[in-house]
Amino acid sequence: MLFGCQKSNINPNPPWSRIQWIFQKSGEFKLRMKIAITGANSSVGLNLLTHIIAETDINVIAGVRSDRAMESLPSSPQVDPRIISYNDPAKLAEALEGADCIVHLAGILIENKNTSYASANVDATEAVVKAAQNLGAKHIVFISVVGASKNSSNAYFRSKGLAEEFVKSSDIPASIIRTPILLGPNTAGASSMIGVASQAKTKILGGGRYSMRPLDIDDLNQAILNCCNSDSKEAKVHELVGPEPISYRDLILKTASMMNNKVEIGSVPIAIAKLVAAISSRIKGGGITPTVIDVITMNEVVESNADDELNITLTPLQNTLEKILEHKRKK
């Protein structure tokens, strides 16, 4: 992670055009339906907003933390941008007033001097849950990560697991979606992948031998919208990963080949990388740490993929990569 589906479940074209059918034909989603998104300026948030505007009549409260972040949001009558803070759940509830479903995207993988896993992943989620309770939200969608556990020895995975516990104990119906590396135009995973694949020679952690299950960001966002329309009365955890496993090494080689490039891949020993990261992060007060390296090099494995239960059709990795490279060519 950077940070076996049946063939019949794979659609070469992500069915975003079906969202209108799913929500409007069913009569569940109507013009008065409103969702609130925290971390709306993230790559997932911006992608979700783009598709909501293009394919649905859903109204959105787009929550961000600064005026600068607000400037990155798309302009649309459907989008109501608001600056939010997680320091006061009561004021947060006022900012999200009117939302039927709250989609909590905000969180961090890399800590810095001002933001920790405790504040950004755990405390912020607790504040969102309390705000949801105060405003009487009908559903919470929380985006977590494959590997999350309150008992994990890894501080990042532990923080996401603790955040999940707040959502589970909220007494509000909830969908917790654990994700792997996300790929799509403008995602951090795609940018890093293209940067490495563009080189003639490169070195990556452990030679990139760890296994990944890359998920198309459009597939995640369709799953999010389906969850917003869920009639579930409880909190459920869904592990949603891409349709095919691949090592990071093979992902780089595949991408390079599609770019008509040949890249020679060497290895950075993980133990040495963690030692350097430990020293550097201590000096800088943040950045890449041994914790982050363990997250990046974790094998992304799930017992059961949630594509069926979330009513989505997964996009093949080949199609995701084609979409990313086409976007790059057009820039």
C-alpha atoms as a PDB file:
ATOM      1  CA  MET A   1       0.000   0.000   0.000  1.00  0.00           C
ATOM      2  CA  LEU A   2       1.251   3.608  -0.621  1.00  0.00           C
ATOM      3  CA  PHE A   3      -0.778   5.245   1.171  1.00  0.00           C
ATOM      4  CA  GLY A   4     -10.187 -12.044  -6.252  1.00  0.00           C
ATOM      5  CA  CYS A   5     -13.222 -10.673  -7.793  1.00  0.00           C
ATOM      6  CA  GLN A   6     -15.261 -12.696 -10.230  1.00  0.00           C
ATOM      7  CA  LYS A   7     -14.774 -11.733 -13.841  1.00  0.00           C
ATOM      8  CA  SER A   8     -18.472 -10.992 -14.226  1.00  0.00           C
ATOM      9  CA  ASN A   9     -18.138  -8.215 -11.655  1.00  0.00           C
ATOM     10  CA  ILE A  10     -15.647  -6.218 -13.693  1.00  0.00           C
ATOM     11  CA  ASN A  11     -16.900  -3.492 -15.962  1.00  0.00           C
ATOM     12  CA  PRO A  12     -14.437  -1.867 -18.394  1.00  0.00           C
ATOM     13  CA  ASN A  13     -16.278   1.445 -18.014  1.00  0.00           C
ATOM     14  CA  PRO A  14     -17.108   2.761 -14.513  1.00  0.00           C
ATOM     15  CA  PRO A  15     -20.927   3.123 -14.515  1.00  0.00           C
ATOM     16  CA  TRP A  16     -21.174   6.689 -13.260  1.00  0.00           C
ATOM     17  CA  SER A  17     -24.089   7.205 -15.640  1.00  0.00           C
ATOM     18  CA  ARG A  18     -25.993   4.681 -13.552  1.00  0.00           C
ATOM     19  CA  ILE A  19     -25.935   6.816 -10.428  1.00  0.00           C
ATOM     20  CA  GLN A  20     -28.844   8.873 -11.676  1.00  0.00           C
ATOM     21  CA  TRP A  21     -30.794   5.690 -12.315  1.00  0.00           C
ATOM     22  CA  ILE A  22     -29.917   4.125  -8.980  1.00  0.00           C
ATOM     23  CA  PHE A  23     -30.975   7.126  -6.955  1.00  0.00           C
ATOM     24  CA  GLN A  24     -33.738   8.760  -8.948  1.00  0.00           C
ATOM     25  CA  LYS A  25     -35.537   5.742 -10.383  1.00  0.00           C
ATOM     26  CA  SER A  26     -35.650   4.173  -6.944  1.00  0.00           C
ATOM     27  CA  GLY A  27     -37.218   7.329  -5.589  1.00  0.00           C
ATOM     28  CA  GLU A  28     -34.779   7.343  -2.668  1.00  0.00           C
ATOM     29  CA  PHE A  29     -32.698  10.347  -3.672  1.00  0.00           C
ATOM     30  CA  LYS A  30     -34.643  13.513  -4.323  1.00  0.00           C
ATOM     31  CA  LEU A  31     -33.682  17.150  -4.750  1.00  0.00           C
ATOM     32  CA  ARG A  32     -34.001  17.787  -1.031  1.00  0.00           C
ATOM     33  CA  MET A  33     -31.404  15.106  -0.266  1.00  0.00           C
ATOM     34  CA  LYS A  34     -28.279  16.733   1.122  1.00  0.00           C
ATOM     35  CA  ILE A  35     -24.954  15.263   2.166  1.00  0.00           C
ATOM     36  CA  ALA A  36     -22.041  16.879   3.967  1.00  0.00           C
ATOM     37  CA  ILE A  37     -18.447  16.065   3.034  1.00  0.00           C
ATOM     38  CA  THR A  38     -15.517  16.765   5.326  1.00  0.00           C
ATOM     39  CA  GLY A  39     -12.133  17.026   3.644  1.00  0.00           C
ATOM     40  CA  ALA A  40     -13.962  18.090   0.481  1.00  0.00           C
ATOM     41  CA  ASN A  41     -10.754  19.512  -1.016  1.00  0.00           C
ATOM     42  CA  SER A  42      -8.996  16.134  -0.909  1.00  0.00           C
ATOM     43  CA  SER A  43      -8.548  14.145  -4.127  1.00  0.00           C
ATOM     44  CA  VAL A  44     -11.429  11.876  -3.117  1.00  0.00           C
ATOM     45  CA  GLY A  45     -13.573  14.846  -2.139  1.00  0.00           C
ATOM     46  CA  LEU A  46     -12.963  16.775  -5.353  1.00  0.00           C
ATOM     47  CA  ASN A  47     -13.590  13.687  -7.459  1.00  0.00           C
ATOM     48  CA  LEU A  48     -16.793  12.972  -5.546  1.00  0.00           C
ATOM     49  CA  LEU A  49     -18.024  16.552  -5.981  1.00  0.00           C
ATOM     50  CA  THR A  50     -17.279  16.456  -9.712  1.00  0.00           C
ATOM     51  CA  HIS A  51     -19.377  13.362 -10.218  1.00  0.00           C
ATOM     52  CA  ILE A  52     -22.195  14.561  -7.974  1.00  0.00           C
ATOM     53  CA  ILE A  53     -22.466  17.731 -10.044  1.00  0.00           C
ATOM     54  CA  ALA A  54     -22.286  15.896 -13.369  1.00  0.00           C
ATOM     55  CA  GLU A  55     -24.480  12.908 -12.619  1.00  0.00           C
ATOM     56  CA  THR A  56     -26.920  13.656  -9.785  1.00  0.00           C
ATOM     57  CA  ASP A  57     -29.194  16.284  -8.262  1.00  0.00           C
ATOM     58  CA  ILE A  58     -27.741  15.825  -4.767  1.00  0.00           C
ATOM     59  CA  ASN A  59     -27.009  18.975  -2.772  1.00  0.00           C
ATOM     60  CA  VAL A  60     -23.712  19.046  -0.892  1.00  0.00           C
ATOM     61  CA  ILE A  61     -22.213  20.892   2.053  1.00  0.00           C
ATOM     62  CA  ALA A  62     -18.508  20.893   1.207  1.00  0.00           C
ATOM     63  CA  GLY A  63     -16.527  21.256   4.419  1.00  0.00           C
ATOM     64  CA  VAL A  64     -12.940  22.533   4.324  1.00  0.00           C
ATOM     65  CA  ARG A  65     -10.666  24.129   6.893  1.00  0.00           C
ATOM     66  CA  SER A  66      -9.472  27.309   5.174  1.00  0.00           C
ATOM     67  CA  ASP A  67     -10.290  29.941   2.571  1.00  0.00           C
ATOM     68  CA  ARG A  68      -7.434  28.622   0.435  1.00  0.00           C
ATOM     69  CA  ALA A  69      -8.922  25.120   0.473  1.00  0.00           C
ATOM     70  CA  MET A  70     -12.319  26.549  -0.403  1.00  0.00           C
ATOM     71  CA  GLU A  71     -10.869  28.069  -3.588  1.00  0.00           C
ATOM     72  CA  SER A  72     -10.136  24.588  -4.936  1.00  0.00           C
ATOM     73  CA  LEU A  73     -13.785  23.489  -4.779  1.00  0.00           C
ATOM     74  CA  PRO A  74     -15.883  23.355  -7.968  1.00  0.00           C
ATOM     75  CA  SER A  75     -18.456  26.113  -8.405  1.00  0.00           C
ATOM     76  CA  SER A  76     -22.024  24.818  -8.648  1.00  0.00           C
ATOM     77  CA  PRO A  77     -25.474  25.627  -7.233  1.00  0.00           C
ATOM     78  CA  GLN A  78     -25.388  22.108  -5.787  1.00  0.00           C
ATOM     79  CA  VAL A  79     -22.274  22.817  -3.704  1.00  0.00           C
ATOM     80  CA  ASP A  80     -22.421  24.887  -0.525  1.00  0.00           C
ATOM     81  CA  PRO A  81     -18.802  25.444   0.616  1.00  0.00           C
ATOM     82  CA  ARG A  82     -18.274  26.018   4.331  1.00  0.00           C
ATOM     83  CA  ILE A  83     -15.230  26.436   6.537  1.00  0.00           C
ATOM     84  CA  ILE A  84     -15.352  23.968   9.401  1.00  0.00           C
ATOM     85  CA  SER A  85     -13.365  23.263  12.551  1.00  0.00           C
ATOM     86  CA  TYR A  86     -13.196  20.039  14.537  1.00  0.00           C
ATOM     87  CA  ASN A  87     -12.426  21.827  17.805  1.00  0.00           C
ATOM     88  CA  ASP A  88     -16.072  22.432  18.749  1.00  0.00           C
ATOM     89  CA  PRO A  89     -18.637  19.701  17.874  1.00  0.00           C
ATOM     90  CA  ALA A  90     -21.545  22.096  18.519  1.00  0.00           C
ATOM     91  CA  LYS A  91     -20.250  24.641  16.000  1.00  0.00           C
ATOM     92  CA  LEU A  92     -19.379  21.827  13.615  1.00  0.00           C
ATOM     93  CA  ALA A  93     -22.994  20.647  13.836  1.00  0.00           C
ATOM     94  CA  GLU A  94     -24.156  24.169  12.947  1.00  0.00           C
ATOM     95  CA  ALA A  95     -21.864  24.189   9.907  1.00  0.00           C
ATOM     96  CA  LEU A  96     -23.213  20.829   8.729  1.00  0.00           C
ATOM     97  CA  GLU A  97     -26.842  21.632   9.545  1.00  0.00           C
ATOM     98  CA  GLY A  98     -29.305  20.166   7.067  1.00  0.00           C
ATOM     99  CA  ALA A  99     -27.218  17.161   6.030  1.00  0.00           C
ATOM    100  CA  ASP A 100     -28.971  13.798   5.911  1.00  0.00           C
ATOM    101  CA  CYS A 101     -25.673  11.930   5.518  1.00  0.00           C
ATOM    102  CA  ILE A 102     -22.172  12.940   6.586  1.00  0.00           C
ATOM    103  CA  VAL A 103     -19.224  11.641   4.567  1.00  0.00           C
ATOM    104  CA  HIS A 104     -16.055  11.935   6.643  1.00  0.00           C
ATOM    105  CA  LEU A 105     -12.979  11.950   4.397  1.00  0.00           C
ATOM    106  CA  ALA A 106     -10.612  14.079   6.455  1.00  0.00           C
ATOM    107  CA  GLY A 107      -7.520  12.424   7.900  1.00  0.00           C
ATOM    108  CA  ILE A 108      -3.730  12.175   7.514  1.00  0.00           C
ATOM    109  CA  LEU A 109      -1.065   9.555   6.875  1.00  0.00           C
ATOM    110  CA  ILE A 110       1.933  11.831   7.446  1.00  0.00           C
ATOM    111  CA  GLU A 111       2.163  13.761  10.717  1.00  0.00           C
ATOM    112  CA  ASN A 112       3.819  17.144  11.114  1.00  0.00           C
ATOM    113  CA  LYS A 113       4.679  19.520  13.943  1.00  0.00           C
ATOM    114  CA  ASN A 114       1.100  20.793  14.147  1.00  0.00           C
ATOM    115  CA  THR A 115      -0.979  17.730  13.318  1.00  0.00           C
ATOM    116  CA  SER A 116      -0.856  14.243  14.797  1.00  0.00           C
ATOM    117  CA  TYR A 117      -2.743  11.012  14.225  1.00  0.00           C
ATOM    118  CA  ALA A 118      -4.529  11.633  17.510  1.00  0.00           C
ATOM    119  CA  SER A 119      -5.825  15.053  16.480  1.00  0.00           C
ATOM    120  CA  ALA A 120      -6.429  14.528  12.751  1.00  0.00           C
ATOM    121  CA  ASN A 121      -7.652  10.935  12.681  1.00  0.00           C
ATOM    122  CA  VAL A 122      -9.113  10.204  16.109  1.00  0.00           C
ATOM    123  CA  ASP A 123     -10.241  13.519  17.638  1.00  0.00           C
ATOM    124  CA  ALA A 124     -11.581  14.882  14.337  1.00  0.00           C
ATOM    125  CA  THR A 125     -13.673  11.748  13.812  1.00  0.00           C
ATOM    126  CA  GLU A 126     -15.003  11.958  17.355  1.00  0.00           C
ATOM    127  CA  ALA A 127     -16.015  15.574  16.678  1.00  0.00           C
ATOM    128  CA  VAL A 128     -17.782  14.603  13.444  1.00  0.00           C
ATOM    129  CA  VAL A 129     -19.675  11.833  15.244  1.00  0.00           C
ATOM    130  CA  LYS A 130     -20.788  14.206  17.989  1.00  0.00           C
ATOM    131  CA  ALA A 131     -21.843  16.763  15.373  1.00  0.00           C
ATOM    132  CA  ALA A 132     -23.815  14.080  13.536  1.00  0.00           C
ATOM    133  CA  GLN A 133     -25.572  13.184  16.762  1.00  0.00           C
ATOM    134  CA  ASN A 134     -26.341  16.839  17.513  1.00  0.00           C
ATOM    135  CA  LEU A 135     -27.860  17.544  14.114  1.00  0.00           C
ATOM    136  CA  GLY A 136     -29.719  14.231  13.846  1.00  0.00           C
ATOM    137  CA  ALA A 137     -27.926  12.873  10.776  1.00  0.00           C
ATOM    138  CA  LYS A 138     -29.410   9.704   9.343  1.00  0.00           C
ATOM    139  CA  HIS A 139     -26.170   8.081   8.199  1.00  0.00           C
ATOM    140  CA  ILE A 140     -22.389   8.416   8.491  1.00  0.00           C
ATOM    141  CA  VAL A 141     -19.942   7.256   5.830  1.00  0.00           C
ATOM    142  CA  PHE A 142     -16.388   7.004   7.161  1.00  0.00           C
ATOM    143  CA  ILE A 143     -13.454   6.313   4.859  1.00  0.00           C
ATOM    144  CA  SER A 144     -10.903   4.181   6.668  1.00  0.00           C
ATOM    145  CA  VAL A 145      -8.020   2.008   5.480  1.00  0.00           C
ATOM    146  CA  VAL A 146      -7.268  -1.661   4.947  1.00  0.00           C
ATOM    147  CA  GLY A 147      -5.331  -2.719   8.043  1.00  0.00           C
ATOM    148  CA  ALA A 148      -7.150  -0.430  10.485  1.00  0.00           C
ATOM    149  CA  SER A 149      -7.426  -1.842  14.008  1.00  0.00           C
ATOM    150  CA  LYS A 150      -7.654  -0.271  17.439  1.00  0.00           C
ATOM    151  CA  ASN A 151      -5.163  -2.937  18.597  1.00  0.00           C
ATOM    152  CA  SER A 152      -2.595  -2.412  15.840  1.00  0.00           C
ATOM    153  CA  SER A 153       1.028  -1.862  16.807  1.00  0.00           C
ATOM    154  CA  ASN A 154       1.229   0.633  13.935  1.00  0.00           C
ATOM    155  CA  ALA A 155       0.230   4.123  15.123  1.00  0.00           C
ATOM    156  CA  TYR A 156      -1.515   5.059  11.867  1.00  0.00           C
ATOM    157  CA  PHE A 157      -3.573   1.874  11.618  1.00  0.00           C
ATOM    158  CA  ARG A 158      -4.362   2.146  15.325  1.00  0.00           C
ATOM    159  CA  SER A 159      -5.624   5.728  14.924  1.00  0.00           C
ATOM    160  CA  LYS A 160      -7.939   4.701  12.094  1.00  0.00           C
ATOM    161  CA  GLY A 161      -9.159   1.752  14.147  1.00  0.00           C
ATOM    162  CA  LEU A 162      -9.898   3.997  17.127  1.00  0.00           C
ATOM    163  CA  ALA A 163     -11.738   6.384  14.811  1.00  0.00           C
ATOM    164  CA  GLU A 164     -13.836   3.489  13.543  1.00  0.00           C
ATOM    165  CA  GLU A 165     -14.844   2.711  17.128  1.00  0.00           C
ATOM    166  CA  PHE A 166     -16.344   6.191  17.554  1.00  0.00           C
ATOM    167  CA  VAL A 167     -18.390   5.674  14.398  1.00  0.00           C
ATOM    168  CA  LYS A 168     -19.537   2.193  15.451  1.00  0.00           C
ATOM    169  CA  SER A 169     -20.642   3.365  18.901  1.00  0.00           C
ATOM    170  CA  SER A 170     -22.471   6.480  17.660  1.00  0.00           C
ATOM    171  CA  ASP A 171     -25.924   4.817  17.522  1.00  0.00           C
ATOM    172  CA  ILE A 172     -26.201   6.280  14.003  1.00  0.00           C
ATOM    173  CA  PRO A 173     -26.409   3.911  11.012  1.00  0.00           C
ATOM    174  CA  ALA A 174     -22.973   3.985   9.422  1.00  0.00           C
ATOM    175  CA  SER A 175     -20.872   2.621   6.588  1.00  0.00           C
ATOM    176  CA  ILE A 176     -17.157   2.260   7.280  1.00  0.00           C
ATOM    177  CA  ILE A 177     -15.254   1.677   4.039  1.00  0.00           C
ATOM    178  CA  ARG A 178     -11.693   0.419   4.388  1.00  0.00           C
ATOM    179  CA  THR A 179      -9.688   1.217   1.270  1.00  0.00           C
ATOM    180  CA  PRO A 180      -6.290   0.326  -0.252  1.00  0.00           C
ATOM    181  CA  ILE A 181      -4.203   2.645  -2.415  1.00  0.00           C
ATOM    182  CA  LEU A 182      -6.507   4.777  -4.550  1.00  0.00           C
ATOM    183  CA  LEU A 183      -5.703   5.399  -8.194  1.00  0.00           C
ATOM    184  CA  GLY A 184      -7.223   7.957 -10.528  1.00  0.00           C
ATOM    185  CA  PRO A 185      -6.384  11.326 -12.084  1.00  0.00           C
ATOM    186  CA  ASN A 186      -4.943  13.750  -9.527  1.00  0.00           C
ATOM    187  CA  THR A 187      -4.540  11.147  -6.772  1.00  0.00           C
ATOM    188  CA  ALA A 188      -1.291  11.044  -4.813  1.00  0.00           C
ATOM    189  CA  GLY A 189      -0.882   7.360  -5.656  1.00  0.00           C
ATOM    190  CA  ALA A 190      -1.136   8.014  -9.395  1.00  0.00           C
ATOM    191  CA  SER A 191       1.261  10.974  -9.287  1.00  0.00           C
ATOM    192  CA  SER A 192       3.878   8.943  -7.435  1.00  0.00           C
ATOM    193  CA  MET A 193       3.411   5.963  -9.736  1.00  0.00           C
ATOM    194  CA  ILE A 194       3.813   8.022 -12.920  1.00  0.00           C
ATOM    195  CA  GLY A 195       6.852   9.820 -11.495  1.00  0.00           C
ATOM    196  CA  VAL A 196       8.627   6.539 -10.798  1.00  0.00           C
ATOM    197  CA  ALA A 197       7.516   4.895 -14.071  1.00  0.00           C
ATOM    198  CA  SER A 198       8.871   7.851 -16.042  1.00  0.00           C
ATOM    199  CA  GLN A 199      12.459   7.226 -14.925  1.00  0.00           C
ATOM    200  CA  ALA A 200      15.134   5.203 -16.703  1.00  0.00           C
ATOM    201  CA  LYS A 201      16.446   3.892 -13.381  1.00  0.00           C
ATOM    202  CA  THR A 202      14.860   4.052  -9.959  1.00  0.00           C
ATOM    203  CA  LYS A 203      15.010   2.497  -6.511  1.00  0.00           C
ATOM    204  CA  ILE A 204      11.924   1.734  -4.459  1.00  0.00           C
ATOM    205  CA  LEU A 205      11.294   0.350  -0.997  1.00  0.00           C
ATOM    206  CA  GLY A 206      12.029  -3.356  -0.826  1.00  0.00           C
ATOM    207  CA  GLY A 207      12.178  -3.464  -4.584  1.00  0.00           C
ATOM    208  CA  GLY A 208       8.395  -3.006  -4.614  1.00  0.00           C
ATOM    209  CA  ARG A 209       7.759  -6.678  -3.798  1.00  0.00           C
ATOM    210  CA  TYR A 210       4.753  -5.998  -1.581  1.00  0.00           C
ATOM    211  CA  SER A 211       1.256  -6.794  -2.847  1.00  0.00           C
ATOM    212  CA  MET A 212      -1.333  -4.111  -3.562  1.00  0.00           C
ATOM    213  CA  ARG A 213      -5.018  -4.034  -4.525  1.00  0.00           C
ATOM    214  CA  PRO A 214      -5.352  -0.624  -6.253  1.00  0.00           C
ATOM    215  CA  LEU A 215      -8.911   0.734  -6.240  1.00  0.00           C
ATOM    216  CA  ASP A 216     -10.218   3.137  -8.867  1.00  0.00           C
ATOM    217  CA  ILE A 217     -11.258   6.349  -7.137  1.00  0.00           C
ATOM    218  CA  ASP A 218     -14.467   6.451  -9.192  1.00  0.00           C
ATOM    219  CA  ASP A 219     -15.424   3.044  -7.788  1.00  0.00           C
ATOM    220  CA  LEU A 220     -14.928   4.326  -4.249  1.00  0.00           C
ATOM    221  CA  ASN A 221     -17.051   7.374  -4.892  1.00  0.00           C
ATOM    222  CA  GLN A 222     -19.862   5.322  -6.355  1.00  0.00           C
ATOM    223  CA  ALA A 223     -19.708   3.147  -3.225  1.00  0.00           C
ATOM    224  CA  ILE A 224     -19.885   6.281  -1.052  1.00  0.00           C
ATOM    225  CA  LEU A 225     -23.016   7.514  -2.807  1.00  0.00           C
ATOM    226  CA  ASN A 226     -24.608   4.088  -2.560  1.00  0.00           C
ATOM    227  CA  CYS A 227     -23.920   4.114   1.182  1.00  0.00           C
ATOM    228  CA  CYS A 228     -25.490   7.563   1.532  1.00  0.00           C
ATOM    229  CA  ASN A 229     -28.651   6.005   0.160  1.00  0.00           C
ATOM    230  CA  SER A 230     -28.433   2.961   2.405  1.00  0.00           C
ATOM    231  CA  ASP A 231     -31.394   1.937   4.532  1.00  0.00           C
ATOM    232  CA  SER A 232     -29.128   0.056   6.953  1.00  0.00           C
ATOM    233  CA  LYS A 233     -29.989   0.493  10.628  1.00  0.00           C
ATOM    234  CA  GLU A 234     -26.548  -0.417  11.957  1.00  0.00           C
ATOM    235  CA  ALA A 235     -22.863   0.306  11.531  1.00  0.00           C
ATOM    236  CA  LYS A 236     -21.153  -1.944   8.995  1.00  0.00           C
ATOM    237  CA  VAL A 237     -17.504  -2.312   8.019  1.00  0.00           C
ATOM    238  CA  HIS A 238     -16.778  -2.884   4.325  1.00  0.00           C
ATOM    239  CA  GLU A 239     -13.335  -3.743   2.961  1.00  0.00           C
ATOM    240  CA  LEU A 240     -13.327  -2.504  -0.615  1.00  0.00           C
ATOM    241  CA  VAL A 241     -10.281  -3.189  -2.786  1.00  0.00           C
ATOM    242  CA  GLY A 242      -9.501  -3.298  -6.481  1.00  0.00           C
ATOM    243  CA  PRO A 243     -10.262  -6.332  -8.647  1.00  0.00           C
ATOM    244  CA  GLU A 244      -6.721  -7.670  -8.988  1.00  0.00           C
ATOM    245  CA  PRO A 245      -3.624  -7.976  -6.795  1.00  0.00           C
ATOM    246  CA  ILE A 246      -0.329  -6.674  -8.134  1.00  0.00           C
ATOM    247  CA  SER A 247       3.061  -5.925  -6.628  1.00  0.00           C
ATOM    248  CA  TYR A 248       4.150  -2.293  -6.638  1.00  0.00           C
ATOM    249  CA  ARG A 249       7.120  -3.343  -8.748  1.00  0.00           C
ATOM    250  CA  ASP A 250       4.834  -4.861 -11.393  1.00  0.00           C
ATOM    251  CA  LEU A 251       2.537  -1.840 -11.233  1.00  0.00           C
ATOM    252  CA  ILE A 252       5.485   0.431 -12.063  1.00  0.00           C
ATOM    253  CA  LEU A 253       6.635  -1.845 -14.887  1.00  0.00           C
ATOM    254  CA  LYS A 254       3.112  -2.054 -16.300  1.00  0.00           C
ATOM    255  CA  THR A 255       2.662   1.710 -16.181  1.00  0.00           C
ATOM    256  CA  ALA A 256       6.084   2.316 -17.738  1.00  0.00           C
ATOM    257  CA  SER A 257       5.253  -0.075 -20.565  1.00  0.00           C
ATOM    258  CA  MET A 258       2.004   1.770 -21.244  1.00  0.00           C
ATOM    259  CA  MET A 259       4.072   4.972 -21.415  1.00  0.00           C
ATOM    260  CA  ASN A 260       6.471   3.337 -23.887  1.00  0.00           C
ATOM    261  CA  ASN A 261       9.223   3.571 -21.311  1.00  0.00           C
ATOM    262  CA  LYS A 262      11.598   0.969 -19.934  1.00  0.00           C
ATOM    263  CA  VAL A 263      12.519   1.411 -16.301  1.00  0.00           C
ATOM    264  CA  GLU A 264      15.187  -0.451 -14.365  1.00  0.00           C
ATOM    265  CA  ILE A 265      14.063  -0.989 -10.765  1.00  0.00           C
ATOM    266  CA  GLY A 266      16.459  -1.350  -7.870  1.00  0.00           C
ATOM    267  CA  SER A 267      15.764  -1.803  -4.167  1.00  0.00           C
ATOM    268  CA  VAL A 268      16.062   0.385  -1.099  1.00  0.00           C
ATOM    269  CA  PRO A 269      16.351  -1.945   1.922  1.00  0.00           C
ATOM    270  CA  ILE A 270      13.337  -1.313   4.133  1.00  0.00           C
ATOM    271  CA  ALA A 271      15.328  -1.550   7.379  1.00  0.00           C
ATOM    272  CA  ILE A 272      17.750   1.137   6.224  1.00  0.00           C
ATOM    273  CA  ALA A 273      14.907   3.323   4.953  1.00  0.00           C
ATOM    274  CA  LYS A 274      13.185   3.096   8.343  1.00  0.00           C
ATOM    275  CA  LEU A 275      16.388   4.028  10.188  1.00  0.00           C
ATOM    276  CA  VAL A 276      16.901   7.082   7.978  1.00  0.00           C
ATOM    277  CA  ALA A 277      13.229   8.027   8.324  1.00  0.00           C
ATOM    278  CA  ALA A 278      13.388   7.741  12.116  1.00  0.00           C
ATOM    279  CA  ILE A 279      16.320  10.167  12.295  1.00  0.00           C
ATOM    280  CA  SER A 280      14.973  12.582   9.688  1.00  0.00           C
ATOM    281  CA  SER A 281      11.456  12.764  11.122  1.00  0.00           C
ATOM    282  CA  ARG A 282      12.795  13.375  14.610  1.00  0.00           C
ATOM    283  CA  ILE A 283      14.880  16.291  13.355  1.00  0.00           C
ATOM    284  CA  LYS A 284      12.069  17.750  11.230  1.00  0.00           C
ATOM    285  CA  GLY A 285       9.274  17.043  13.696  1.00  0.00           C
ATOM    286  CA  GLY A 286       7.287  15.080  11.123  1.00  0.00           C
ATOM    287  CA  GLY A 287       7.370  13.693   7.604  1.00  0.00           C
ATOM    288  CA  ILE A 288       8.063  10.127   6.496  1.00  0.00           C
ATOM    289  CA  THR A 289       8.511   7.911   9.558  1.00  0.00           C
ATOM    290  CA  PRO A 290       9.031   4.168  10.107  1.00  0.00           C
ATOM    291  CA  THR A 291       5.279   4.023  10.751  1.00  0.00           C
ATOM    292  CA  VAL A 292       4.551   5.454   7.301  1.00  0.00           C
ATOM    293  CA  ILE A 293       7.016   3.071   5.638  1.00  0.00           C
ATOM    294  CA  ASP A 294       5.290   0.109   7.286  1.00  0.00           C
ATOM    295  CA  VAL A 295       1.950   1.372   5.933  1.00  0.00           C
ATOM    296  CA  ILE A 296       3.363   1.846   2.437  1.00  0.00           C
ATOM    297  CA  THR A 297       4.923  -1.624   2.299  1.00  0.00           C
ATOM    298  CA  MET A 298       2.050  -3.564   3.883  1.00  0.00           C
ATOM    299  CA  ASN A 299       0.530  -6.356   1.793  1.00  0.00           C
ATOM    300  CA  GLU A 300      -3.061  -5.296   1.088  1.00  0.00           C
ATOM    301  CA  VAL A 301      -5.066  -8.414   1.869  1.00  0.00           C
ATOM    302  CA  VAL A 302      -8.773  -8.740   2.672  1.00  0.00           C
ATOM    303  CA  GLU A 303     -10.850 -11.811   3.501  1.00  0.00           C
ATOM    304  CA  SER A 304     -13.764 -10.737   1.322  1.00  0.00           C
ATOM    305  CA  ASN A 305     -14.183  -7.860  -1.116  1.00  0.00           C
ATOM    306  CA  ALA A 306     -17.213  -5.626  -0.537  1.00  0.00           C
ATOM    307  CA  ASP A 307     -17.997  -4.764  -4.148  1.00  0.00           C
ATOM    308  CA  ASP A 308     -21.158  -6.894  -4.241  1.00  0.00           C
ATOM    309  CA  GLU A 309     -22.554  -5.721  -0.907  1.00  0.00           C
ATOM    310  CA  LEU A 310     -21.878  -2.103  -1.887  1.00  0.00           C
ATOM    311  CA  ASN A 311     -23.559  -2.662  -5.260  1.00  0.00           C
ATOM    312  CA  ILE A 312     -20.656  -1.521  -7.413  1.00  0.00           C
ATOM    313  CA  THR A 313     -18.885  -2.926 -10.457  1.00  0.00           C
ATOM    314  CA  LEU A 314     -15.112  -2.720 -10.181  1.00  0.00           C
ATOM    315  CA  THR A 315     -13.004  -1.099 -12.865  1.00  0.00           C
ATOM    316  CA  PRO A 316     -10.148  -3.260 -14.202  1.00  0.00           C
ATOM    317  CA  LEU A 317      -6.688  -1.955 -13.357  1.00  0.00           C
ATOM    318  CA  GLN A 318      -5.814  -1.655 -17.059  1.00  0.00           C
ATOM    319  CA  ASN A 319      -8.716   0.746 -17.591  1.00  0.00           C
ATOM    320  CA  THR A 320      -7.792   2.783 -14.526  1.00  0.00           C
ATOM    321  CA  LEU A 321      -4.229   3.187 -15.770  1.00  0.00           C
ATOM    322  CA  GLU A 322      -5.450   4.154 -19.249  1.00  0.00           C
ATOM    323  CA  LYS A 323      -7.666   6.819 -17.698  1.00  0.00           C
ATOM    324  CA  ILE A 324      -4.779   8.204 -15.621  1.00  0.00           C
ATOM    325  CA  LEU A 325      -2.407   8.359 -18.574  1.00  0.00           C
ATOM    326  CA  GLU A 326      -5.035   9.931 -20.835  1.00  0.00           C
ATOM    327  CA  HIS A 327      -5.585  12.630 -18.217  1.00  0.00           C
ATOM    328  CA  LYS A 328      -1.803  13.194 -18.046  1.00  0.00           C
ATOM    329  CA  ARG A 329      -1.588  13.574 -21.831  1.00  0.00           C
ATOM    330  CA  LYS A 330      -4.351  16.182 -21.833  1.00  0.00           C
ATOM    331  CA  LYS A 331      -2.730  18.335 -19.153  1.00  0.00           C
END
